N, C-alpha and C. Protein backbone atom coordinates (compact mmCIF):
# COMPACT_ATOMS: atom_id res chain seq x y z
N UNK A 1 41.36 39.97 13.91
CA UNK A 1 40.00 40.06 13.40
C UNK A 1 39.45 38.67 13.07
N UNK A 2 40.25 37.86 12.39
CA UNK A 2 39.83 36.51 12.02
C UNK A 2 39.61 35.65 13.27
N UNK A 3 40.52 35.81 14.25
CA UNK A 3 40.37 35.04 15.48
C UNK A 3 39.09 35.43 16.22
N UNK A 4 38.78 36.71 16.23
CA UNK A 4 37.56 37.17 16.90
C UNK A 4 36.33 36.59 16.19
N UNK A 5 36.35 36.56 14.86
CA UNK A 5 35.24 35.97 14.11
C UNK A 5 35.09 34.49 14.38
N UNK A 6 36.21 33.77 14.46
CA UNK A 6 36.16 32.33 14.76
C UNK A 6 35.62 32.07 16.16
N UNK A 7 36.05 32.90 17.14
CA UNK A 7 35.55 32.75 18.51
C UNK A 7 34.05 33.01 18.56
N UNK A 8 33.61 34.03 17.84
CA UNK A 8 32.18 34.36 17.81
C UNK A 8 31.38 33.23 17.17
N UNK A 9 31.89 32.68 16.05
CA UNK A 9 31.22 31.58 15.37
C UNK A 9 31.17 30.35 16.27
N UNK A 10 32.28 30.04 16.94
CA UNK A 10 32.33 28.89 17.84
C UNK A 10 31.35 29.07 18.99
N UNK A 11 31.30 30.29 19.54
CA UNK A 11 30.40 30.57 20.65
C UNK A 11 28.94 30.41 20.20
N UNK A 12 28.62 30.91 18.98
CA UNK A 12 27.25 30.80 18.48
C UNK A 12 26.86 29.35 18.24
N UNK A 13 27.79 28.57 17.65
CA UNK A 13 27.45 27.20 17.28
C UNK A 13 27.31 26.29 18.49
N UNK A 14 27.88 26.67 19.62
CA UNK A 14 27.77 25.82 20.79
C UNK A 14 26.76 26.35 21.81
N UNK A 15 26.06 27.39 21.43
CA UNK A 15 25.08 27.92 22.37
C UNK A 15 23.91 26.98 22.52
N UNK A 16 23.25 27.13 23.62
CA UNK A 16 22.07 26.31 23.90
C UNK A 16 20.93 26.60 22.96
N UNK A 17 20.93 27.77 22.32
CA UNK A 17 19.82 28.14 21.42
C UNK A 17 19.77 27.19 20.23
N UNK A 18 20.92 26.92 19.63
CA UNK A 18 20.96 26.04 18.46
C UNK A 18 20.57 24.62 18.86
N UNK A 19 21.16 24.15 19.96
CA UNK A 19 20.83 22.80 20.41
C UNK A 19 19.36 22.69 20.79
N UNK A 20 18.83 23.73 21.42
CA UNK A 20 17.42 23.72 21.82
C UNK A 20 16.50 23.68 20.59
N UNK A 21 16.87 24.40 19.55
CA UNK A 21 16.06 24.40 18.32
C UNK A 21 16.09 23.02 17.65
N UNK A 22 17.25 22.40 17.61
CA UNK A 22 17.36 21.06 17.04
C UNK A 22 16.55 20.07 17.87
N UNK A 23 16.68 20.15 19.18
CA UNK A 23 15.94 19.25 20.07
C UNK A 23 14.43 19.45 19.90
N UNK A 24 13.99 20.71 19.80
CA UNK A 24 12.57 20.99 19.61
C UNK A 24 12.07 20.39 18.30
N UNK A 25 12.86 20.56 17.23
CA UNK A 25 12.48 20.02 15.92
C UNK A 25 12.37 18.50 15.96
N UNK A 26 13.34 17.85 16.57
CA UNK A 26 13.31 16.38 16.67
C UNK A 26 12.13 15.92 17.52
N UNK A 27 11.89 16.59 18.63
CA UNK A 27 10.76 16.22 19.49
C UNK A 27 9.43 16.42 18.77
N UNK A 28 9.32 17.49 17.99
CA UNK A 28 8.10 17.73 17.23
C UNK A 28 7.92 16.68 16.13
N UNK A 29 9.00 16.40 15.39
CA UNK A 29 8.93 15.43 14.29
C UNK A 29 8.58 14.03 14.78
N UNK A 30 9.13 13.65 15.95
CA UNK A 30 8.88 12.30 16.46
C UNK A 30 7.93 12.31 17.65
N UNK A 31 7.15 13.36 17.75
CA UNK A 31 6.15 13.48 18.81
C UNK A 31 4.84 13.94 18.20
N UNK A 32 4.60 15.23 18.29
CA UNK A 32 3.35 15.83 17.82
C UNK A 32 3.07 15.56 16.34
N UNK A 33 4.12 15.55 15.52
CA UNK A 33 3.96 15.38 14.07
C UNK A 33 4.46 14.02 13.59
N UNK A 34 4.36 13.01 14.45
CA UNK A 34 4.89 11.69 14.11
C UNK A 34 4.21 11.09 12.88
N UNK A 35 2.91 11.24 12.75
CA UNK A 35 2.21 10.71 11.57
C UNK A 35 2.74 11.35 10.30
N UNK A 36 2.93 12.67 10.30
CA UNK A 36 3.46 13.36 9.12
C UNK A 36 4.89 12.91 8.84
N UNK A 37 5.70 12.78 9.88
CA UNK A 37 7.09 12.32 9.71
C UNK A 37 7.12 10.93 9.10
N UNK A 38 6.30 10.02 9.63
CA UNK A 38 6.26 8.65 9.11
C UNK A 38 5.75 8.60 7.68
N UNK A 39 4.78 9.44 7.35
CA UNK A 39 4.21 9.45 6.00
C UNK A 39 5.20 10.00 4.99
N UNK A 40 5.77 11.15 5.28
CA UNK A 40 6.70 11.78 4.33
C UNK A 40 7.97 10.95 4.18
N UNK A 41 8.50 10.44 5.29
CA UNK A 41 9.72 9.63 5.18
C UNK A 41 9.46 8.36 4.39
N UNK A 42 8.29 7.79 4.51
CA UNK A 42 7.95 6.60 3.74
C UNK A 42 7.93 6.92 2.24
N UNK A 43 7.34 8.05 1.87
CA UNK A 43 7.31 8.44 0.46
C UNK A 43 8.68 8.76 -0.09
N UNK A 44 9.45 9.54 0.65
CA UNK A 44 10.78 9.95 0.18
C UNK A 44 11.70 8.75 0.07
N UNK A 45 11.68 7.86 1.05
CA UNK A 45 12.60 6.72 1.02
C UNK A 45 12.19 5.69 -0.03
N UNK A 46 10.89 5.56 -0.33
CA UNK A 46 10.47 4.68 -1.42
C UNK A 46 10.93 5.27 -2.76
N UNK A 47 10.83 6.58 -2.89
CA UNK A 47 11.31 7.25 -4.10
C UNK A 47 12.82 7.01 -4.26
N UNK A 48 13.59 7.14 -3.19
CA UNK A 48 15.03 6.92 -3.27
C UNK A 48 15.37 5.48 -3.62
N UNK A 49 14.58 4.52 -3.11
CA UNK A 49 14.79 3.13 -3.48
C UNK A 49 14.57 2.90 -4.97
N UNK A 50 13.52 3.49 -5.52
CA UNK A 50 13.25 3.36 -6.95
C UNK A 50 14.30 4.10 -7.78
N UNK A 51 14.72 5.24 -7.31
CA UNK A 51 15.77 6.00 -8.00
C UNK A 51 17.05 5.16 -8.09
N UNK A 52 17.39 4.48 -7.00
CA UNK A 52 18.56 3.61 -6.99
C UNK A 52 18.39 2.47 -7.99
N UNK A 53 17.21 1.86 -8.02
CA UNK A 53 16.96 0.76 -8.95
C UNK A 53 17.05 1.24 -10.39
N UNK A 54 16.51 2.41 -10.68
CA UNK A 54 16.60 2.94 -12.05
C UNK A 54 18.04 3.22 -12.44
N UNK A 55 18.81 3.73 -11.49
CA UNK A 55 20.23 4.01 -11.75
C UNK A 55 20.98 2.71 -12.04
N UNK A 56 20.75 1.70 -11.22
CA UNK A 56 21.40 0.40 -11.44
C UNK A 56 20.99 -0.21 -12.77
N UNK A 57 19.69 -0.15 -13.06
CA UNK A 57 19.18 -0.71 -14.32
C UNK A 57 19.79 0.00 -15.52
N UNK A 58 19.88 1.32 -15.45
CA UNK A 58 20.44 2.09 -16.57
C UNK A 58 21.92 1.74 -16.77
N UNK A 59 22.66 1.59 -15.68
CA UNK A 59 24.08 1.26 -15.79
C UNK A 59 24.30 -0.14 -16.35
N UNK A 60 23.42 -1.06 -16.00
CA UNK A 60 23.56 -2.44 -16.48
C UNK A 60 23.15 -2.56 -17.94
N UNK A 61 22.03 -1.93 -18.30
CA UNK A 61 21.49 -2.06 -19.67
C UNK A 61 22.32 -1.29 -20.70
N UNK A 62 22.89 -0.15 -20.32
CA UNK A 62 23.70 0.66 -21.24
C UNK A 62 22.95 0.96 -22.55
N UNK A 63 21.67 1.32 -22.44
CA UNK A 63 20.91 1.63 -23.65
C UNK A 63 20.71 3.14 -23.77
N UNK A 64 20.01 3.55 -24.82
CA UNK A 64 19.80 4.98 -25.07
C UNK A 64 18.53 5.53 -24.44
N UNK A 65 17.85 4.72 -23.65
CA UNK A 65 16.62 5.19 -23.02
C UNK A 65 16.95 6.26 -21.98
N UNK A 66 15.96 7.09 -21.64
CA UNK A 66 16.22 8.11 -20.62
C UNK A 66 16.67 7.46 -19.31
N UNK A 67 17.55 8.15 -18.60
CA UNK A 67 18.13 7.61 -17.37
C UNK A 67 17.06 7.39 -16.30
N UNK A 68 16.10 8.33 -16.19
CA UNK A 68 15.08 8.24 -15.14
C UNK A 68 13.69 8.36 -15.74
N UNK A 69 12.78 7.59 -15.18
CA UNK A 69 11.36 7.69 -15.51
C UNK A 69 10.72 8.46 -14.37
N UNK A 70 10.50 9.76 -14.58
CA UNK A 70 10.02 10.62 -13.51
C UNK A 70 8.57 10.32 -13.13
N UNK A 71 7.76 9.85 -14.07
CA UNK A 71 6.39 9.46 -13.74
C UNK A 71 6.41 8.25 -12.81
N UNK A 72 7.30 7.33 -13.08
CA UNK A 72 7.46 6.15 -12.22
C UNK A 72 7.93 6.57 -10.83
N UNK A 73 8.87 7.48 -10.76
CA UNK A 73 9.33 7.99 -9.46
C UNK A 73 8.18 8.63 -8.69
N UNK A 74 7.34 9.38 -9.39
CA UNK A 74 6.19 10.03 -8.74
C UNK A 74 5.21 8.98 -8.21
N UNK A 75 5.01 7.92 -8.98
CA UNK A 75 4.11 6.85 -8.52
C UNK A 75 4.68 6.16 -7.28
N UNK A 76 5.97 5.88 -7.30
CA UNK A 76 6.59 5.22 -6.14
C UNK A 76 6.52 6.13 -4.91
N UNK A 77 6.74 7.41 -5.10
CA UNK A 77 6.62 8.37 -3.99
C UNK A 77 5.19 8.36 -3.43
N UNK A 78 4.21 8.35 -4.31
CA UNK A 78 2.81 8.35 -3.90
C UNK A 78 2.46 7.07 -3.14
N UNK A 79 2.95 5.93 -3.63
CA UNK A 79 2.72 4.67 -2.93
C UNK A 79 3.35 4.72 -1.53
N UNK A 80 4.56 5.26 -1.45
CA UNK A 80 5.20 5.41 -0.15
C UNK A 80 4.39 6.28 0.79
N UNK A 81 3.86 7.38 0.26
CA UNK A 81 3.01 8.25 1.08
C UNK A 81 1.78 7.49 1.57
N UNK A 82 1.22 6.65 0.71
CA UNK A 82 0.03 5.87 1.10
C UNK A 82 0.37 4.81 2.15
N UNK A 83 1.58 4.29 2.11
CA UNK A 83 1.96 3.25 3.07
C UNK A 83 2.36 3.84 4.42
N UNK A 84 2.78 5.08 4.46
CA UNK A 84 3.20 5.70 5.71
C UNK A 84 2.16 5.63 6.82
N UNK A 85 0.92 6.08 6.57
CA UNK A 85 -0.10 6.00 7.62
C UNK A 85 -0.43 4.55 8.03
N UNK A 86 -0.39 3.63 7.08
CA UNK A 86 -0.67 2.23 7.40
C UNK A 86 0.37 1.73 8.40
N UNK A 87 1.64 2.01 8.11
CA UNK A 87 2.71 1.61 9.03
C UNK A 87 2.56 2.31 10.38
N UNK A 88 2.29 3.60 10.34
CA UNK A 88 2.17 4.39 11.57
C UNK A 88 1.14 3.77 12.52
N UNK A 89 -0.05 3.52 12.01
CA UNK A 89 -1.12 3.00 12.86
C UNK A 89 -0.90 1.53 13.22
N UNK A 90 -0.32 0.76 12.31
CA UNK A 90 -0.05 -0.65 12.60
C UNK A 90 0.95 -0.78 13.76
N UNK A 91 2.05 -0.04 13.69
CA UNK A 91 3.04 -0.14 14.76
C UNK A 91 2.48 0.37 16.09
N UNK A 92 1.67 1.40 16.03
CA UNK A 92 1.00 1.87 17.25
C UNK A 92 0.11 0.78 17.84
N UNK A 93 -0.61 0.08 16.98
CA UNK A 93 -1.51 -0.97 17.43
C UNK A 93 -0.75 -2.14 18.06
N UNK A 94 0.27 -2.67 17.37
CA UNK A 94 0.97 -3.84 17.92
C UNK A 94 1.73 -3.48 19.20
N UNK A 95 2.19 -2.23 19.31
CA UNK A 95 2.87 -1.83 20.53
C UNK A 95 1.90 -1.67 21.70
N UNK A 96 0.64 -1.37 21.42
CA UNK A 96 -0.37 -1.35 22.49
C UNK A 96 -0.83 -2.77 22.81
N UNK A 97 -0.92 -3.60 21.79
CA UNK A 97 -1.37 -4.98 21.99
C UNK A 97 -0.34 -5.78 22.80
N UNK A 98 0.93 -5.62 22.48
CA UNK A 98 2.02 -6.30 23.18
C UNK A 98 3.06 -5.27 23.61
N UNK A 99 2.80 -4.54 24.70
CA UNK A 99 3.64 -3.39 25.06
C UNK A 99 5.03 -3.73 25.61
N UNK A 100 5.18 -4.86 26.26
CA UNK A 100 6.47 -5.17 26.88
C UNK A 100 7.48 -5.65 25.85
N UNK A 101 8.73 -5.29 26.08
CA UNK A 101 9.82 -5.75 25.20
C UNK A 101 10.46 -6.98 25.79
N UNK A 102 9.78 -8.08 25.65
CA UNK A 102 10.38 -9.35 26.04
C UNK A 102 10.35 -10.27 24.82
N UNK A 103 11.05 -11.37 24.92
CA UNK A 103 11.19 -12.25 23.76
C UNK A 103 9.84 -12.75 23.26
N UNK A 104 8.95 -13.10 24.15
CA UNK A 104 7.63 -13.60 23.77
C UNK A 104 6.86 -12.56 22.95
N UNK A 105 6.79 -11.33 23.44
CA UNK A 105 6.05 -10.28 22.73
C UNK A 105 6.71 -9.91 21.41
N UNK A 106 8.03 -9.85 21.40
CA UNK A 106 8.75 -9.51 20.17
C UNK A 106 8.49 -10.57 19.10
N UNK A 107 8.51 -11.83 19.48
CA UNK A 107 8.24 -12.90 18.52
C UNK A 107 6.80 -12.84 18.01
N UNK A 108 5.85 -12.49 18.89
CA UNK A 108 4.46 -12.31 18.44
C UNK A 108 4.36 -11.18 17.42
N UNK A 109 5.06 -10.08 17.67
CA UNK A 109 5.04 -8.94 16.73
C UNK A 109 5.65 -9.32 15.39
N UNK A 110 6.77 -10.03 15.44
CA UNK A 110 7.43 -10.45 14.20
C UNK A 110 6.52 -11.38 13.40
N UNK A 111 5.90 -12.32 14.09
CA UNK A 111 4.99 -13.25 13.41
C UNK A 111 3.78 -12.51 12.83
N UNK A 112 3.20 -11.60 13.60
CA UNK A 112 2.08 -10.80 13.10
C UNK A 112 2.51 -9.98 11.89
N UNK A 113 3.71 -9.46 11.95
CA UNK A 113 4.22 -8.67 10.84
C UNK A 113 4.32 -9.52 9.57
N UNK A 114 4.82 -10.74 9.71
CA UNK A 114 5.00 -11.60 8.55
C UNK A 114 3.68 -12.16 8.01
N UNK A 115 2.78 -12.50 8.91
CA UNK A 115 1.54 -13.15 8.47
C UNK A 115 0.43 -12.16 8.11
N UNK A 116 0.46 -10.97 8.70
CA UNK A 116 -0.61 -9.99 8.44
C UNK A 116 -0.08 -8.80 7.65
N UNK A 117 0.88 -8.10 8.22
CA UNK A 117 1.33 -6.85 7.61
C UNK A 117 2.07 -7.06 6.29
N UNK A 118 2.89 -8.10 6.20
CA UNK A 118 3.63 -8.37 4.97
C UNK A 118 2.71 -8.50 3.76
N UNK A 119 1.73 -9.42 3.81
CA UNK A 119 0.82 -9.54 2.67
C UNK A 119 0.02 -8.27 2.40
N UNK A 120 -0.41 -7.58 3.45
CA UNK A 120 -1.15 -6.32 3.25
C UNK A 120 -0.29 -5.31 2.49
N UNK A 121 0.96 -5.17 2.90
CA UNK A 121 1.84 -4.19 2.23
C UNK A 121 2.13 -4.57 0.78
N UNK A 122 2.32 -5.86 0.53
CA UNK A 122 2.57 -6.30 -0.85
C UNK A 122 1.36 -6.00 -1.72
N UNK A 123 0.18 -6.34 -1.23
CA UNK A 123 -1.03 -6.07 -2.00
C UNK A 123 -1.26 -4.57 -2.17
N UNK A 124 -1.05 -3.81 -1.11
CA UNK A 124 -1.21 -2.35 -1.21
C UNK A 124 -0.26 -1.79 -2.26
N UNK A 125 0.97 -2.27 -2.26
CA UNK A 125 1.96 -1.79 -3.23
C UNK A 125 1.48 -2.05 -4.66
N UNK A 126 1.15 -3.30 -4.98
CA UNK A 126 0.79 -3.63 -6.36
C UNK A 126 -0.52 -2.97 -6.80
N UNK A 127 -1.52 -2.94 -5.92
CA UNK A 127 -2.80 -2.36 -6.31
C UNK A 127 -2.73 -0.84 -6.41
N UNK A 128 -1.97 -0.21 -5.54
CA UNK A 128 -1.84 1.25 -5.62
C UNK A 128 -1.05 1.66 -6.86
N UNK A 129 0.05 0.98 -7.11
CA UNK A 129 0.84 1.27 -8.33
C UNK A 129 0.00 1.01 -9.57
N UNK A 130 -0.69 -0.12 -9.60
CA UNK A 130 -1.54 -0.44 -10.75
C UNK A 130 -2.61 0.60 -10.97
N UNK A 131 -3.23 1.06 -9.89
CA UNK A 131 -4.24 2.12 -10.01
C UNK A 131 -3.65 3.41 -10.54
N UNK A 132 -2.46 3.77 -10.05
CA UNK A 132 -1.80 5.00 -10.53
C UNK A 132 -1.38 4.88 -11.99
N UNK A 133 -1.11 3.66 -12.43
CA UNK A 133 -0.77 3.43 -13.83
C UNK A 133 -2.02 3.34 -14.70
N UNK A 134 -3.20 3.44 -14.07
CA UNK A 134 -4.50 3.39 -14.77
C UNK A 134 -4.70 2.05 -15.48
N UNK A 135 -4.21 0.99 -14.87
CA UNK A 135 -4.37 -0.33 -15.46
C UNK A 135 -5.68 -0.95 -15.01
N UNK A 136 -6.28 -1.79 -15.84
CA UNK A 136 -7.52 -2.48 -15.44
C UNK A 136 -7.25 -3.43 -14.27
N UNK A 137 -8.26 -3.60 -13.44
CA UNK A 137 -8.15 -4.45 -12.26
C UNK A 137 -7.74 -5.88 -12.64
N UNK A 138 -8.22 -6.36 -13.78
CA UNK A 138 -7.87 -7.71 -14.24
C UNK A 138 -6.36 -7.84 -14.44
N UNK A 139 -5.73 -6.82 -15.03
CA UNK A 139 -4.28 -6.84 -15.26
C UNK A 139 -3.52 -6.80 -13.94
N UNK A 140 -4.01 -5.99 -13.01
CA UNK A 140 -3.35 -5.89 -11.70
C UNK A 140 -3.44 -7.24 -10.98
N UNK A 141 -4.61 -7.87 -11.06
CA UNK A 141 -4.78 -9.19 -10.42
C UNK A 141 -3.80 -10.20 -11.01
N UNK A 142 -3.62 -10.17 -12.31
CA UNK A 142 -2.68 -11.09 -12.96
C UNK A 142 -1.25 -10.83 -12.50
N UNK A 143 -0.89 -9.56 -12.39
CA UNK A 143 0.46 -9.22 -11.92
C UNK A 143 0.67 -9.69 -10.48
N UNK A 144 -0.34 -9.50 -9.64
CA UNK A 144 -0.24 -9.95 -8.25
C UNK A 144 -0.05 -11.47 -8.21
N UNK A 145 -0.82 -12.20 -9.00
CA UNK A 145 -0.67 -13.66 -9.04
C UNK A 145 0.73 -14.06 -9.48
N UNK A 146 1.27 -13.34 -10.45
CA UNK A 146 2.58 -13.69 -11.00
C UNK A 146 3.74 -13.32 -10.06
N UNK A 147 3.60 -12.26 -9.28
CA UNK A 147 4.75 -11.73 -8.53
C UNK A 147 4.63 -11.81 -7.00
N UNK A 148 3.43 -12.08 -6.49
CA UNK A 148 3.22 -12.04 -5.04
C UNK A 148 4.17 -12.97 -4.30
N UNK A 149 4.27 -14.22 -4.70
CA UNK A 149 5.05 -15.19 -3.93
C UNK A 149 6.55 -14.93 -4.03
N UNK A 150 7.01 -14.35 -5.13
CA UNK A 150 8.42 -13.96 -5.21
C UNK A 150 8.73 -12.89 -4.17
N UNK A 151 7.86 -11.89 -4.09
CA UNK A 151 8.06 -10.80 -3.12
C UNK A 151 7.87 -11.33 -1.70
N UNK A 152 6.87 -12.16 -1.47
CA UNK A 152 6.61 -12.68 -0.13
C UNK A 152 7.74 -13.58 0.36
N UNK A 153 8.34 -14.36 -0.54
CA UNK A 153 9.49 -15.19 -0.16
C UNK A 153 10.66 -14.31 0.26
N UNK A 154 10.89 -13.22 -0.46
CA UNK A 154 11.97 -12.30 -0.07
C UNK A 154 11.64 -11.62 1.26
N UNK A 155 10.36 -11.34 1.49
CA UNK A 155 9.92 -10.78 2.79
C UNK A 155 10.39 -11.66 3.95
N UNK A 156 10.25 -12.96 3.79
CA UNK A 156 10.63 -13.88 4.86
C UNK A 156 12.15 -13.91 5.07
N UNK A 157 12.91 -13.53 4.08
CA UNK A 157 14.37 -13.45 4.24
C UNK A 157 14.80 -12.16 4.92
N UNK A 158 14.14 -11.06 4.60
CA UNK A 158 14.56 -9.74 5.05
C UNK A 158 13.92 -9.32 6.37
N UNK A 159 12.60 -9.46 6.48
CA UNK A 159 11.89 -8.80 7.57
C UNK A 159 11.93 -9.45 8.93
N UNK A 160 11.94 -10.77 9.10
CA UNK A 160 12.01 -11.29 10.48
C UNK A 160 13.22 -10.79 11.28
N UNK A 161 14.45 -10.87 10.74
CA UNK A 161 15.56 -10.32 11.54
C UNK A 161 15.49 -8.80 11.71
N UNK A 162 15.03 -8.12 10.66
CA UNK A 162 14.90 -6.66 10.73
C UNK A 162 13.88 -6.27 11.80
N UNK A 163 12.75 -6.95 11.81
CA UNK A 163 11.71 -6.61 12.76
C UNK A 163 12.06 -7.07 14.18
N UNK A 164 12.83 -8.11 14.31
CA UNK A 164 13.28 -8.51 15.64
C UNK A 164 14.09 -7.38 16.26
N UNK A 165 15.02 -6.84 15.50
CA UNK A 165 15.82 -5.70 15.98
C UNK A 165 14.90 -4.51 16.26
N UNK A 166 13.99 -4.25 15.35
CA UNK A 166 13.08 -3.12 15.48
C UNK A 166 12.26 -3.20 16.77
N UNK A 167 11.60 -4.33 16.97
CA UNK A 167 10.70 -4.45 18.12
C UNK A 167 11.44 -4.62 19.44
N UNK A 168 12.64 -5.17 19.39
CA UNK A 168 13.37 -5.41 20.64
C UNK A 168 14.20 -4.22 21.09
N UNK A 169 14.77 -3.48 20.14
CA UNK A 169 15.72 -2.43 20.50
C UNK A 169 15.28 -1.00 20.18
N UNK A 170 14.47 -0.80 19.14
CA UNK A 170 14.15 0.55 18.68
C UNK A 170 12.95 1.10 19.47
N UNK A 171 13.07 2.30 20.02
CA UNK A 171 11.92 2.89 20.72
C UNK A 171 10.72 3.04 19.75
N UNK A 172 9.50 2.85 20.26
CA UNK A 172 8.32 2.85 19.37
C UNK A 172 8.20 4.05 18.44
N UNK A 173 8.54 5.24 18.89
CA UNK A 173 8.34 6.40 18.02
C UNK A 173 9.31 6.44 16.84
N UNK A 174 10.38 5.63 16.89
CA UNK A 174 11.34 5.58 15.78
C UNK A 174 11.19 4.32 14.94
N UNK A 175 10.24 3.45 15.27
CA UNK A 175 10.15 2.16 14.58
C UNK A 175 9.77 2.30 13.11
N UNK A 176 8.86 3.18 12.78
CA UNK A 176 8.49 3.35 11.36
C UNK A 176 9.66 3.93 10.58
N UNK A 177 10.38 4.88 11.16
CA UNK A 177 11.55 5.45 10.46
C UNK A 177 12.61 4.38 10.22
N UNK A 178 12.85 3.53 11.21
CA UNK A 178 13.80 2.43 11.04
C UNK A 178 13.36 1.53 9.88
N UNK A 179 12.08 1.15 9.89
CA UNK A 179 11.55 0.30 8.83
C UNK A 179 11.64 1.01 7.48
N UNK A 180 11.38 2.32 7.45
CA UNK A 180 11.46 3.06 6.19
C UNK A 180 12.88 3.04 5.61
N UNK A 181 13.89 3.14 6.48
CA UNK A 181 15.27 3.09 5.97
C UNK A 181 15.60 1.70 5.41
N UNK A 182 15.18 0.65 6.10
CA UNK A 182 15.40 -0.70 5.57
C UNK A 182 14.59 -0.88 4.29
N UNK A 183 13.38 -0.34 4.28
CA UNK A 183 12.52 -0.44 3.11
C UNK A 183 13.14 0.25 1.90
N UNK A 184 13.88 1.33 2.13
CA UNK A 184 14.53 2.00 1.01
C UNK A 184 15.43 1.01 0.27
N UNK A 185 16.17 0.20 1.00
CA UNK A 185 17.03 -0.81 0.36
C UNK A 185 16.18 -1.93 -0.23
N UNK A 186 15.16 -2.35 0.50
CA UNK A 186 14.26 -3.40 0.03
C UNK A 186 13.51 -2.96 -1.22
N UNK A 187 13.22 -1.66 -1.32
CA UNK A 187 12.49 -1.13 -2.48
C UNK A 187 13.27 -1.23 -3.77
N UNK A 188 14.58 -1.33 -3.69
CA UNK A 188 15.37 -1.57 -4.91
C UNK A 188 14.93 -2.91 -5.49
N UNK A 189 14.82 -3.93 -4.64
CA UNK A 189 14.33 -5.24 -5.07
C UNK A 189 12.87 -5.16 -5.52
N UNK A 190 12.03 -4.51 -4.72
CA UNK A 190 10.60 -4.42 -5.02
C UNK A 190 10.37 -3.71 -6.35
N UNK A 191 11.11 -2.64 -6.58
CA UNK A 191 10.98 -1.90 -7.84
C UNK A 191 11.45 -2.75 -9.02
N UNK A 192 12.51 -3.53 -8.81
CA UNK A 192 12.99 -4.43 -9.86
C UNK A 192 11.91 -5.46 -10.20
N UNK A 193 11.31 -6.08 -9.18
CA UNK A 193 10.25 -7.08 -9.44
C UNK A 193 9.08 -6.44 -10.14
N UNK A 194 8.70 -5.25 -9.73
CA UNK A 194 7.55 -4.57 -10.33
C UNK A 194 7.80 -4.17 -11.77
N UNK A 195 8.97 -3.60 -12.04
CA UNK A 195 9.18 -2.98 -13.35
C UNK A 195 10.05 -3.77 -14.32
N UNK A 196 10.91 -4.67 -13.83
CA UNK A 196 11.86 -5.33 -14.72
C UNK A 196 11.82 -6.84 -14.67
N UNK A 197 11.02 -7.43 -13.81
CA UNK A 197 11.02 -8.88 -13.59
C UNK A 197 10.12 -9.57 -14.59
C-alpha cells in the first residue's frame, strides 16, 4: 500500500501538468506581469533589507527597545514599491537605447546608471521616506545634504561591478529582479545610514 502511494506521488510530481503550471507562472510573472513582479519584489526585498538591519542593530545594541519598528518596515516596503516602476521603466529604456550586449554598450549602461539612475534613486529614497514620516521639506533637504555623498560613494563601490554583470549576462526581463536581490543587501547599509547614522 505504501509503495503504491509513493509511486502515485512520484508519478504526480513528475507529470507535465505540474511543470507546465510552474512554467506558465514564471512566464506570466516575467512576461505579461513583469511590471507587477518588479514592483512587488522591490518592495518585499527592501522590507527584508530593513528587517535585517533592524535585527543586526538590536543584537548589537542589546537594549530594551522593541526588536522591530513595524511602521519603519511599512515605510521601507512602500519606498520599495515606489522604486519598482522606476527601475522597470529605466531598464526597459536603456535596453532599447543600447540593445546589443557588447562591452561598449554595457559600459554606457553602467555609466548612465551611476551618473543618472544612482542619484535619482538616492533622492527618491530620502524624499519618499521623509514624506512618509511626515517631515517638513526643510528637514528632508538637510538630511539629503548630510547623507547623500556617503550613500553615493558607496554606490560607486557596489553598483558598477553589479551592473556590469547585470547588463552583460542577465536577460533583460530578469534585470530588475537581479538588482532587487543585490539591493536587499545594499538596503541594510542604506537603512543604517537613514536610521542610525
